[in-house]
Amino acid sequence: MVPWILAAQSGRPDAADQCKITNPRTGGDAASPFVTYTIDEPGLESGKAECTLWYDPKSFSPKKRLIRFKSGKSEGSYEETYDKVAVGAEFPPDHFALPPKK
């Protein structure tokens, strides 16, 4: 999880400042490499989330990310896939606008 997602999900603006990425390690093969790392986040009861990020070996752009976490007796995961990544892309102001309330 990127820090701003942690802040939004936890309802704590300081969550981004409190999380730390630790224990990075690589894996996969030449066609499908990945990086696995741990996010230490005090808002989770376990205090940790395990993340795996697959990337394109030529462009290094992300392809998929899997995030696994435990909180008390519950556990869950998020899986994100990326079709296209554009650094510095511009979006119209209404691109992220929420629909009006009904």
N, C-alpha and C. Protein backbone atom coordinates (compact mmCIF):
# COMPACT_ATOMS: atom_id res chain seq x y z
N MET A 1 0.85 -1.17 0.00
CA MET A 1 0.00 0.00 0.00
C MET A 1 0.89 1.23 0.00
N VAL A 2 0.54 2.14 -0.83
CA VAL A 2 1.30 3.37 -0.80
C VAL A 2 0.85 4.18 0.41
N PRO A 3 1.71 5.03 0.94
CA PRO A 3 1.37 5.73 2.18
C PRO A 3 0.06 6.50 2.16
N TRP A 4 -0.30 7.15 1.04
CA TRP A 4 -1.54 7.92 1.06
C TRP A 4 -2.76 7.00 1.13
N ILE A 5 -2.65 5.75 0.63
CA ILE A 5 -3.75 4.81 0.78
C ILE A 5 -3.89 4.42 2.25
N LEU A 6 -2.77 4.19 2.92
CA LEU A 6 -2.82 3.88 4.35
C LEU A 6 -3.51 5.00 5.12
N ALA A 7 -3.16 6.22 4.80
CA ALA A 7 -3.76 7.36 5.49
C ALA A 7 -5.27 7.42 5.23
N ALA A 8 -5.68 7.20 3.99
CA ALA A 8 -7.10 7.27 3.65
C ALA A 8 -7.88 6.13 4.29
N GLN A 9 -7.32 4.91 4.26
CA GLN A 9 -8.04 3.76 4.79
C GLN A 9 -8.12 3.78 6.30
N SER A 10 -7.11 4.27 6.95
CA SER A 10 -7.10 4.25 8.41
C SER A 10 -7.80 5.47 9.00
N GLY A 11 -8.01 6.50 8.18
CA GLY A 11 -8.61 7.73 8.70
C GLY A 11 -7.63 8.54 9.52
N ARG A 12 -6.37 8.18 9.44
CA ARG A 12 -5.33 8.89 10.19
C ARG A 12 -4.37 9.54 9.20
N PRO A 13 -4.34 10.86 9.14
CA PRO A 13 -3.43 11.52 8.20
C PRO A 13 -1.96 11.22 8.46
N ASP A 14 -1.61 10.83 9.70
CA ASP A 14 -0.21 10.58 10.03
C ASP A 14 0.22 9.16 9.66
N ALA A 15 -0.68 8.31 9.16
CA ALA A 15 -0.33 6.93 8.85
C ALA A 15 0.80 6.86 7.83
N ALA A 16 0.81 7.75 6.86
CA ALA A 16 1.87 7.75 5.84
C ALA A 16 3.23 8.01 6.46
N ASP A 17 3.28 8.82 7.51
CA ASP A 17 4.55 9.12 8.16
C ASP A 17 5.00 7.97 9.05
N GLN A 18 4.08 7.14 9.51
CA GLN A 18 4.41 6.09 10.46
C GLN A 18 4.77 4.76 9.82
N CYS A 19 4.39 4.54 8.56
CA CYS A 19 4.69 3.24 7.96
C CYS A 19 6.13 3.23 7.44
N LYS A 20 6.71 2.01 7.46
CA LYS A 20 8.07 1.82 6.98
C LYS A 20 8.11 0.60 6.09
N ILE A 21 8.87 0.67 5.01
CA ILE A 21 9.06 -0.47 4.13
C ILE A 21 10.34 -1.17 4.57
N THR A 22 10.22 -2.48 4.86
CA THR A 22 11.37 -3.25 5.34
C THR A 22 11.46 -4.58 4.60
N ASN A 23 12.56 -5.26 4.79
CA ASN A 23 12.77 -6.62 4.32
C ASN A 23 12.56 -6.80 2.81
N PRO A 24 13.12 -5.93 1.97
CA PRO A 24 12.94 -6.11 0.52
C PRO A 24 13.72 -7.32 0.02
N ARG A 25 13.11 -8.08 -0.89
CA ARG A 25 13.78 -9.22 -1.49
C ARG A 25 13.24 -9.44 -2.90
N THR A 26 14.06 -10.02 -3.76
CA THR A 26 13.67 -10.21 -5.15
C THR A 26 13.35 -11.68 -5.41
N GLY A 27 12.64 -11.92 -6.50
CA GLY A 27 12.29 -13.29 -6.88
C GLY A 27 11.79 -13.34 -8.29
N GLY A 28 11.22 -14.48 -8.66
CA GLY A 28 10.71 -14.66 -10.01
C GLY A 28 11.81 -15.13 -10.95
N ASP A 29 11.52 -14.97 -12.23
CA ASP A 29 12.51 -15.35 -13.24
C ASP A 29 12.68 -14.18 -14.21
N ALA A 30 13.46 -14.38 -15.27
CA ALA A 30 13.75 -13.28 -16.21
C ALA A 30 12.50 -12.73 -16.88
N ALA A 31 11.49 -13.56 -17.09
CA ALA A 31 10.27 -13.11 -17.77
C ALA A 31 9.27 -12.48 -16.81
N SER A 32 9.32 -12.83 -15.54
CA SER A 32 8.34 -12.34 -14.57
C SER A 32 8.97 -12.06 -13.21
N PRO A 33 9.84 -11.05 -13.15
CA PRO A 33 10.49 -10.75 -11.88
C PRO A 33 9.55 -10.04 -10.91
N PHE A 34 9.85 -10.15 -9.63
CA PHE A 34 9.06 -9.44 -8.63
C PHE A 34 9.94 -9.03 -7.46
N VAL A 35 9.41 -8.11 -6.68
CA VAL A 35 10.03 -7.66 -5.44
C VAL A 35 8.99 -7.88 -4.35
N THR A 36 9.41 -8.48 -3.25
CA THR A 36 8.54 -8.66 -2.10
C THR A 36 9.09 -7.81 -0.97
N TYR A 37 8.21 -7.18 -0.22
CA TYR A 37 8.64 -6.34 0.90
C TYR A 37 7.57 -6.33 1.97
N THR A 38 7.94 -5.85 3.14
CA THR A 38 7.03 -5.76 4.27
C THR A 38 6.76 -4.30 4.56
N ILE A 39 5.51 -3.96 4.82
CA ILE A 39 5.16 -2.62 5.28
C ILE A 39 4.85 -2.73 6.77
N ASP A 40 5.63 -2.06 7.58
CA ASP A 40 5.36 -1.99 9.02
C ASP A 40 4.43 -0.80 9.23
N GLU A 41 3.22 -1.09 9.68
CA GLU A 41 2.20 -0.04 9.84
C GLU A 41 1.52 -0.23 11.18
N PRO A 42 1.70 0.71 12.10
CA PRO A 42 1.16 0.57 13.45
C PRO A 42 -0.37 0.45 13.50
N GLY A 43 -1.10 0.85 12.46
CA GLY A 43 -2.55 0.78 12.46
C GLY A 43 -3.10 -0.63 12.35
N LEU A 44 -2.30 -1.57 11.85
CA LEU A 44 -2.73 -2.96 11.77
C LEU A 44 -2.37 -3.65 13.07
N GLU A 45 -3.26 -4.53 13.56
CA GLU A 45 -2.96 -5.23 14.81
C GLU A 45 -1.69 -6.03 14.69
N SER A 46 -1.48 -6.69 13.55
CA SER A 46 -0.25 -7.45 13.36
C SER A 46 0.93 -6.51 13.15
N GLY A 47 0.62 -5.27 12.75
CA GLY A 47 1.66 -4.28 12.51
C GLY A 47 2.35 -4.41 11.17
N LYS A 48 1.96 -5.41 10.36
CA LYS A 48 2.67 -5.64 9.11
C LYS A 48 1.72 -6.02 7.98
N ALA A 49 2.14 -5.69 6.76
CA ALA A 49 1.47 -6.16 5.55
C ALA A 49 2.58 -6.65 4.62
N GLU A 50 2.35 -7.79 3.99
CA GLU A 50 3.33 -8.34 3.04
C GLU A 50 2.90 -7.97 1.62
N CYS A 51 3.81 -7.43 0.85
CA CYS A 51 3.52 -6.97 -0.51
C CYS A 51 4.44 -7.65 -1.51
N THR A 52 3.87 -7.99 -2.66
CA THR A 52 4.65 -8.50 -3.78
C THR A 52 4.31 -7.66 -5.00
N LEU A 53 5.32 -7.15 -5.67
CA LEU A 53 5.15 -6.29 -6.83
C LEU A 53 5.86 -6.93 -8.02
N TRP A 54 5.08 -7.32 -9.04
CA TRP A 54 5.63 -7.84 -10.28
C TRP A 54 5.86 -6.67 -11.24
N TYR A 55 6.94 -6.72 -12.01
CA TYR A 55 7.25 -5.61 -12.90
C TYR A 55 7.78 -6.11 -14.23
N ASP A 56 7.69 -5.24 -15.25
CA ASP A 56 8.21 -5.55 -16.57
C ASP A 56 9.74 -5.48 -16.51
N PRO A 57 10.44 -6.54 -16.93
CA PRO A 57 11.90 -6.54 -16.81
C PRO A 57 12.62 -5.56 -17.73
N LYS A 58 11.95 -5.08 -18.78
CA LYS A 58 12.60 -4.12 -19.70
C LYS A 58 12.36 -2.67 -19.29
N SER A 59 11.11 -2.34 -18.97
CA SER A 59 10.78 -0.95 -18.64
C SER A 59 10.75 -0.68 -17.14
N PHE A 60 10.74 -1.74 -16.33
CA PHE A 60 10.62 -1.66 -14.87
C PHE A 60 9.28 -1.07 -14.42
N SER A 61 8.31 -0.98 -15.31
CA SER A 61 6.99 -0.48 -14.91
C SER A 61 6.23 -1.59 -14.19
N PRO A 62 5.44 -1.22 -13.18
CA PRO A 62 4.71 -2.23 -12.41
C PRO A 62 3.63 -2.92 -13.26
N LYS A 63 3.43 -4.20 -12.99
CA LYS A 63 2.40 -4.97 -13.69
C LYS A 63 1.29 -5.40 -12.74
N LYS A 64 1.67 -5.84 -11.53
CA LYS A 64 0.68 -6.32 -10.57
C LYS A 64 1.27 -6.18 -9.17
N ARG A 65 0.37 -5.91 -8.20
CA ARG A 65 0.79 -5.85 -6.80
C ARG A 65 -0.22 -6.60 -5.95
N LEU A 66 0.28 -7.45 -5.07
CA LEU A 66 -0.55 -8.21 -4.14
C LEU A 66 -0.15 -7.80 -2.73
N ILE A 67 -1.12 -7.42 -1.93
CA ILE A 67 -0.89 -6.97 -0.56
C ILE A 67 -1.69 -7.88 0.37
N ARG A 68 -1.01 -8.53 1.31
CA ARG A 68 -1.66 -9.42 2.27
C ARG A 68 -1.45 -8.86 3.68
N PHE A 69 -2.53 -8.89 4.49
CA PHE A 69 -2.42 -8.35 5.84
C PHE A 69 -3.31 -9.13 6.80
N LYS A 70 -3.00 -9.01 8.08
CA LYS A 70 -3.82 -9.59 9.15
C LYS A 70 -4.15 -8.48 10.12
N SER A 71 -5.34 -8.54 10.66
CA SER A 71 -5.75 -7.59 11.68
C SER A 71 -6.65 -8.34 12.65
N GLY A 72 -6.11 -8.66 13.81
CA GLY A 72 -6.86 -9.48 14.76
C GLY A 72 -7.06 -10.86 14.19
N LYS A 73 -8.31 -11.34 14.21
CA LYS A 73 -8.62 -12.66 13.67
C LYS A 73 -8.92 -12.60 12.18
N SER A 74 -8.98 -11.41 11.62
CA SER A 74 -9.28 -11.24 10.20
C SER A 74 -8.00 -11.13 9.39
N GLU A 75 -8.09 -11.55 8.16
CA GLU A 75 -6.99 -11.33 7.23
C GLU A 75 -7.59 -11.04 5.87
N GLY A 76 -6.82 -10.39 5.05
CA GLY A 76 -7.33 -10.02 3.74
C GLY A 76 -6.21 -9.74 2.78
N SER A 77 -6.59 -9.39 1.58
CA SER A 77 -5.60 -9.06 0.56
C SER A 77 -6.21 -8.12 -0.46
N TYR A 78 -5.34 -7.38 -1.10
CA TYR A 78 -5.69 -6.51 -2.23
C TYR A 78 -4.85 -6.99 -3.40
N GLU A 79 -5.44 -7.00 -4.57
CA GLU A 79 -4.65 -7.27 -5.77
C GLU A 79 -4.93 -6.17 -6.77
N GLU A 80 -3.87 -5.56 -7.24
CA GLU A 80 -3.98 -4.47 -8.22
C GLU A 80 -3.25 -4.90 -9.47
N THR A 81 -3.83 -4.62 -10.63
CA THR A 81 -3.13 -4.86 -11.89
C THR A 81 -3.01 -3.53 -12.63
N TYR A 82 -1.92 -3.39 -13.34
CA TYR A 82 -1.63 -2.14 -14.04
C TYR A 82 -1.48 -2.44 -15.53
N ASP A 83 -2.33 -1.84 -16.35
CA ASP A 83 -2.24 -2.02 -17.80
C ASP A 83 -1.28 -1.02 -18.42
N LYS A 84 -1.31 0.19 -17.88
CA LYS A 84 -0.49 1.26 -18.45
C LYS A 84 -0.05 2.17 -17.31
N VAL A 85 1.21 2.52 -17.30
CA VAL A 85 1.73 3.42 -16.29
C VAL A 85 2.36 4.61 -17.01
N ALA A 86 1.95 5.81 -16.63
CA ALA A 86 2.50 7.02 -17.25
C ALA A 86 2.96 7.96 -16.13
N VAL A 87 4.25 8.19 -16.08
CA VAL A 87 4.81 9.09 -15.09
C VAL A 87 4.64 10.52 -15.57
N GLY A 88 4.09 11.38 -14.73
CA GLY A 88 3.91 12.79 -15.08
C GLY A 88 2.72 13.03 -16.00
N ALA A 89 1.81 12.07 -16.11
CA ALA A 89 0.64 12.26 -16.98
C ALA A 89 -0.26 13.35 -16.42
N GLU A 90 -0.91 14.07 -17.31
CA GLU A 90 -1.84 15.12 -16.89
C GLU A 90 -3.27 14.61 -17.04
N PHE A 91 -4.11 14.97 -16.08
CA PHE A 91 -5.51 14.57 -16.08
C PHE A 91 -6.37 15.82 -15.99
N PRO A 92 -7.54 15.82 -16.63
CA PRO A 92 -8.45 16.96 -16.48
C PRO A 92 -8.92 17.03 -15.02
N PRO A 93 -9.28 18.21 -14.54
CA PRO A 93 -9.66 18.37 -13.14
C PRO A 93 -10.80 17.46 -12.68
N ASP A 94 -11.70 17.11 -13.57
CA ASP A 94 -12.83 16.27 -13.16
C ASP A 94 -12.55 14.77 -13.25
N HIS A 95 -11.34 14.38 -13.60
CA HIS A 95 -11.00 12.96 -13.77
C HIS A 95 -11.26 12.15 -12.50
N PHE A 96 -10.97 12.72 -11.35
CA PHE A 96 -11.13 12.01 -10.08
C PHE A 96 -12.34 12.52 -9.29
N ALA A 97 -13.22 13.25 -9.94
CA ALA A 97 -14.40 13.78 -9.25
C ALA A 97 -15.36 12.65 -8.87
N LEU A 98 -15.92 12.75 -7.69
CA LEU A 98 -16.91 11.79 -7.24
C LEU A 98 -18.25 12.10 -7.85
N PRO A 99 -19.07 11.09 -8.09
CA PRO A 99 -20.41 11.37 -8.62
C PRO A 99 -21.23 12.13 -7.58
N PRO A 100 -22.21 12.93 -8.03
CA PRO A 100 -23.02 13.68 -7.07
C PRO A 100 -23.85 12.74 -6.20
N LYS A 101 -24.13 13.17 -4.96
CA LYS A 101 -24.95 12.37 -4.05
C LYS A 101 -26.38 12.34 -4.56
N LYS A 102 -27.03 11.22 -4.35
CA LYS A 102 -28.43 11.09 -4.78
C LYS A 102 -29.37 11.37 -3.63
